[in-house]
N, C-alpha and C. Protein backbone atom coordinates (compact mmCIF):
# COMPACT_ATOMS: atom_id res chain seq x y z
N MET A 1 -41.23 -39.61 -11.66
CA MET A 1 -42.49 -39.90 -12.30
C MET A 1 -42.63 -41.42 -12.45
N THR A 2 -43.79 -41.91 -12.13
CA THR A 2 -44.07 -43.33 -12.25
C THR A 2 -44.68 -43.61 -13.63
N ARG A 3 -44.16 -44.64 -14.29
CA ARG A 3 -44.65 -45.03 -15.61
C ARG A 3 -45.16 -46.47 -15.53
N LEU A 4 -46.22 -46.71 -16.30
CA LEU A 4 -46.82 -48.04 -16.35
C LEU A 4 -47.07 -48.39 -17.80
N PHE A 5 -46.65 -49.58 -18.20
CA PHE A 5 -46.83 -50.05 -19.57
C PHE A 5 -47.92 -51.11 -19.58
N LEU A 6 -48.96 -50.91 -20.39
CA LEU A 6 -50.09 -51.83 -20.47
C LEU A 6 -50.22 -52.35 -21.89
N VAL A 7 -50.77 -53.57 -22.01
CA VAL A 7 -51.01 -54.16 -23.33
C VAL A 7 -52.41 -54.77 -23.35
N ALA A 8 -53.18 -54.39 -24.35
CA ALA A 8 -54.50 -55.00 -24.60
C ALA A 8 -54.55 -55.34 -26.07
N GLY A 9 -54.86 -56.59 -26.39
CA GLY A 9 -54.78 -57.04 -27.77
C GLY A 9 -56.10 -57.18 -28.50
N GLU A 10 -57.20 -56.87 -27.83
CA GLU A 10 -58.49 -56.96 -28.51
C GLU A 10 -59.48 -56.02 -27.83
N SER A 11 -60.66 -55.93 -28.37
CA SER A 11 -61.63 -54.91 -27.98
C SER A 11 -62.04 -54.96 -26.51
N SER A 12 -62.31 -56.14 -25.97
CA SER A 12 -62.72 -56.21 -24.56
C SER A 12 -61.56 -55.83 -23.64
N GLY A 13 -60.35 -56.18 -24.02
CA GLY A 13 -59.17 -55.76 -23.25
C GLY A 13 -59.00 -54.26 -23.28
N ASP A 14 -59.33 -53.64 -24.43
CA ASP A 14 -59.27 -52.19 -24.56
C ASP A 14 -60.27 -51.53 -23.61
N ILE A 15 -61.46 -52.09 -23.50
CA ILE A 15 -62.49 -51.56 -22.59
C ILE A 15 -62.02 -51.66 -21.14
N HIS A 16 -61.57 -52.84 -20.74
CA HIS A 16 -61.10 -53.03 -19.35
C HIS A 16 -59.85 -52.19 -19.08
N GLY A 17 -58.96 -52.12 -20.06
CA GLY A 17 -57.76 -51.31 -19.91
C GLY A 17 -58.09 -49.84 -19.74
N ALA A 18 -59.07 -49.35 -20.48
CA ALA A 18 -59.49 -47.95 -20.36
C ALA A 18 -60.02 -47.68 -18.96
N ASN A 19 -60.83 -48.59 -18.43
CA ASN A 19 -61.35 -48.43 -17.07
C ASN A 19 -60.21 -48.43 -16.05
N LEU A 20 -59.22 -49.29 -16.27
CA LEU A 20 -58.07 -49.35 -15.38
C LEU A 20 -57.27 -48.05 -15.43
N VAL A 21 -57.03 -47.54 -16.63
CA VAL A 21 -56.27 -46.30 -16.79
C VAL A 21 -56.99 -45.14 -16.09
N LYS A 22 -58.31 -45.05 -16.27
CA LYS A 22 -59.09 -44.00 -15.60
C LYS A 22 -58.97 -44.10 -14.09
N ALA A 23 -59.12 -45.32 -13.56
CA ALA A 23 -59.03 -45.52 -12.11
C ALA A 23 -57.64 -45.19 -11.59
N LEU A 24 -56.62 -45.60 -12.31
CA LEU A 24 -55.25 -45.32 -11.88
C LEU A 24 -54.94 -43.83 -11.90
N HIS A 25 -55.44 -43.13 -12.92
CA HIS A 25 -55.24 -41.68 -12.98
C HIS A 25 -55.97 -40.97 -11.84
N HIS A 26 -57.09 -41.52 -11.43
CA HIS A 26 -57.83 -40.95 -10.30
C HIS A 26 -57.04 -41.13 -9.00
N LEU A 27 -56.45 -42.32 -8.84
CA LEU A 27 -55.69 -42.61 -7.63
C LEU A 27 -54.32 -41.93 -7.62
N ARG A 28 -53.74 -41.79 -8.80
CA ARG A 28 -52.39 -41.23 -8.91
C ARG A 28 -52.31 -40.32 -10.13
N PRO A 29 -52.70 -39.06 -9.98
CA PRO A 29 -52.80 -38.15 -11.11
C PRO A 29 -51.53 -37.99 -11.95
N GLY A 30 -50.35 -38.14 -11.39
CA GLY A 30 -49.11 -37.96 -12.14
C GLY A 30 -48.65 -39.20 -12.88
N LEU A 31 -49.39 -40.28 -12.79
CA LEU A 31 -48.98 -41.54 -13.40
C LEU A 31 -48.99 -41.43 -14.93
N LEU A 32 -47.93 -41.92 -15.56
CA LEU A 32 -47.84 -41.95 -17.01
C LEU A 32 -48.14 -43.38 -17.47
N CYS A 33 -49.26 -43.55 -18.16
CA CYS A 33 -49.63 -44.85 -18.72
C CYS A 33 -49.31 -44.83 -20.20
N GLU A 34 -48.64 -45.87 -20.66
CA GLU A 34 -48.33 -46.00 -22.07
C GLU A 34 -48.39 -47.46 -22.46
N GLY A 35 -48.45 -47.72 -23.76
CA GLY A 35 -48.43 -49.10 -24.17
C GLY A 35 -49.16 -49.36 -25.47
N ILE A 36 -49.67 -50.57 -25.56
CA ILE A 36 -50.33 -51.08 -26.75
C ILE A 36 -51.77 -51.37 -26.37
N GLY A 37 -52.70 -50.82 -27.11
CA GLY A 37 -54.11 -51.02 -26.79
C GLY A 37 -54.97 -50.55 -27.93
N GLY A 38 -56.02 -49.82 -27.58
CA GLY A 38 -56.94 -49.32 -28.59
C GLY A 38 -57.35 -47.90 -28.28
N HIS A 39 -58.32 -47.42 -29.07
CA HIS A 39 -58.72 -46.02 -28.95
C HIS A 39 -59.36 -45.69 -27.60
N ARG A 40 -59.99 -46.67 -26.96
CA ARG A 40 -60.59 -46.40 -25.65
C ARG A 40 -59.51 -46.13 -24.59
N MET A 41 -58.45 -46.90 -24.64
CA MET A 41 -57.35 -46.68 -23.69
C MET A 41 -56.69 -45.33 -23.97
N ALA A 42 -56.54 -44.99 -25.24
CA ALA A 42 -55.97 -43.68 -25.59
C ALA A 42 -56.87 -42.56 -25.09
N SER A 43 -58.17 -42.71 -25.26
CA SER A 43 -59.12 -41.70 -24.79
C SER A 43 -59.11 -41.56 -23.27
N ALA A 44 -58.76 -42.64 -22.59
CA ALA A 44 -58.70 -42.62 -21.12
C ALA A 44 -57.42 -41.96 -20.62
N GLY A 45 -56.49 -41.67 -21.53
CA GLY A 45 -55.27 -40.98 -21.12
C GLY A 45 -54.00 -41.77 -21.28
N MET A 46 -54.06 -42.91 -21.96
CA MET A 46 -52.86 -43.70 -22.18
C MET A 46 -52.17 -43.25 -23.45
N SER A 47 -50.85 -43.13 -23.40
CA SER A 47 -50.06 -42.82 -24.59
C SER A 47 -49.92 -44.11 -25.40
N LEU A 48 -50.53 -44.13 -26.55
CA LEU A 48 -50.63 -45.35 -27.35
C LEU A 48 -49.45 -45.47 -28.31
N HIS A 49 -48.70 -46.57 -28.19
CA HIS A 49 -47.57 -46.83 -29.09
C HIS A 49 -48.04 -47.57 -30.35
N TYR A 50 -49.07 -48.39 -30.19
CA TYR A 50 -49.62 -49.11 -31.33
C TYR A 50 -51.05 -49.49 -31.02
N ASP A 51 -51.95 -49.32 -31.98
CA ASP A 51 -53.36 -49.69 -31.79
C ASP A 51 -53.55 -51.15 -32.19
N LEU A 52 -53.25 -52.03 -31.25
CA LEU A 52 -53.36 -53.47 -31.52
C LEU A 52 -54.81 -53.93 -31.54
N ALA A 53 -55.69 -53.23 -30.86
CA ALA A 53 -57.10 -53.62 -30.83
C ALA A 53 -57.72 -53.53 -32.23
N GLU A 54 -57.19 -52.65 -33.07
CA GLU A 54 -57.68 -52.55 -34.44
C GLU A 54 -57.22 -53.71 -35.31
N LYS A 55 -56.17 -54.41 -34.88
CA LYS A 55 -55.63 -55.52 -35.66
C LYS A 55 -55.76 -56.80 -34.84
N ALA A 56 -56.94 -57.08 -34.37
CA ALA A 56 -57.16 -58.29 -33.59
C ALA A 56 -56.87 -59.51 -34.47
N ILE A 57 -56.00 -60.38 -33.98
CA ILE A 57 -55.60 -61.58 -34.71
C ILE A 57 -56.22 -62.77 -34.00
N MET A 58 -57.10 -63.46 -34.69
CA MET A 58 -57.79 -64.59 -34.07
C MET A 58 -57.66 -65.81 -34.97
N GLY A 59 -57.50 -66.95 -34.34
CA GLY A 59 -57.42 -68.19 -35.09
C GLY A 59 -55.99 -68.59 -35.41
N PHE A 60 -55.75 -69.88 -35.43
CA PHE A 60 -54.42 -70.43 -35.62
C PHE A 60 -53.79 -69.97 -36.94
N THR A 61 -54.56 -70.06 -38.02
CA THR A 61 -54.03 -69.71 -39.34
C THR A 61 -53.67 -68.23 -39.41
N GLU A 62 -54.53 -67.37 -38.86
CA GLU A 62 -54.26 -65.94 -38.89
C GLU A 62 -53.02 -65.59 -38.05
N VAL A 63 -52.83 -66.30 -36.94
CA VAL A 63 -51.63 -66.09 -36.13
C VAL A 63 -50.39 -66.47 -36.93
N LEU A 64 -50.44 -67.60 -37.61
CA LEU A 64 -49.30 -68.02 -38.43
C LEU A 64 -48.98 -67.01 -39.51
N ARG A 65 -50.02 -66.47 -40.16
CA ARG A 65 -49.81 -65.47 -41.20
C ARG A 65 -49.24 -64.17 -40.64
N SER A 66 -49.47 -63.92 -39.35
CA SER A 66 -49.07 -62.65 -38.73
C SER A 66 -47.80 -62.77 -37.89
N LEU A 67 -47.12 -63.91 -37.94
CA LEU A 67 -45.96 -64.11 -37.07
C LEU A 67 -44.88 -63.06 -37.26
N ARG A 68 -44.60 -62.65 -38.47
CA ARG A 68 -43.57 -61.63 -38.70
C ARG A 68 -43.97 -60.32 -38.01
N PHE A 69 -45.23 -59.91 -38.18
CA PHE A 69 -45.73 -58.69 -37.54
C PHE A 69 -45.65 -58.81 -36.01
N ILE A 70 -46.10 -59.95 -35.48
CA ILE A 70 -46.10 -60.16 -34.03
C ILE A 70 -44.67 -60.10 -33.49
N HIS A 71 -43.75 -60.74 -34.17
CA HIS A 71 -42.36 -60.74 -33.73
C HIS A 71 -41.76 -59.33 -33.77
N GLN A 72 -42.05 -58.60 -34.83
CA GLN A 72 -41.53 -57.23 -34.96
C GLN A 72 -42.10 -56.34 -33.86
N LEU A 73 -43.40 -56.43 -33.59
CA LEU A 73 -44.01 -55.63 -32.53
C LEU A 73 -43.44 -56.01 -31.16
N PHE A 74 -43.21 -57.29 -30.96
CA PHE A 74 -42.61 -57.76 -29.70
C PHE A 74 -41.22 -57.16 -29.52
N ARG A 75 -40.39 -57.21 -30.57
CA ARG A 75 -39.03 -56.65 -30.49
C ARG A 75 -39.06 -55.15 -30.21
N GLN A 76 -39.96 -54.44 -30.89
CA GLN A 76 -40.09 -53.00 -30.66
C GLN A 76 -40.50 -52.70 -29.22
N THR A 77 -41.41 -53.51 -28.70
CA THR A 77 -41.89 -53.32 -27.33
C THR A 77 -40.79 -53.58 -26.32
N VAL A 78 -40.02 -54.65 -26.50
CA VAL A 78 -38.90 -54.96 -25.60
C VAL A 78 -37.87 -53.82 -25.63
N THR A 79 -37.55 -53.33 -26.81
CA THR A 79 -36.61 -52.22 -26.95
C THR A 79 -37.12 -50.99 -26.20
N ARG A 80 -38.39 -50.70 -26.35
CA ARG A 80 -39.00 -49.53 -25.69
C ARG A 80 -38.97 -49.71 -24.16
N LEU A 81 -39.25 -50.91 -23.70
CA LEU A 81 -39.26 -51.17 -22.25
C LEU A 81 -37.85 -51.05 -21.66
N LYS A 82 -36.85 -51.50 -22.41
CA LYS A 82 -35.47 -51.40 -21.92
C LYS A 82 -35.03 -49.95 -21.85
N ALA A 83 -35.51 -49.12 -22.77
CA ALA A 83 -35.14 -47.71 -22.80
C ALA A 83 -35.78 -47.01 -21.61
């Protein structure tokens, strides 16, 4: 089974990611798409590990305030990819 991990961090990425997931499933019906995105990607058939589109982080100050969360999500993602 072929697996693909995708990441979309905001709403427009979720829209484009959903279109990509739909197209990939059309080309390769057995493909397993998983990753971090939003509800549109999940609706398109992606197994969502975290809805990052709901927590869009914008601006320098907001990124600084969210560094612990970003680092934790990054570590979890790396662990999941290694598995």
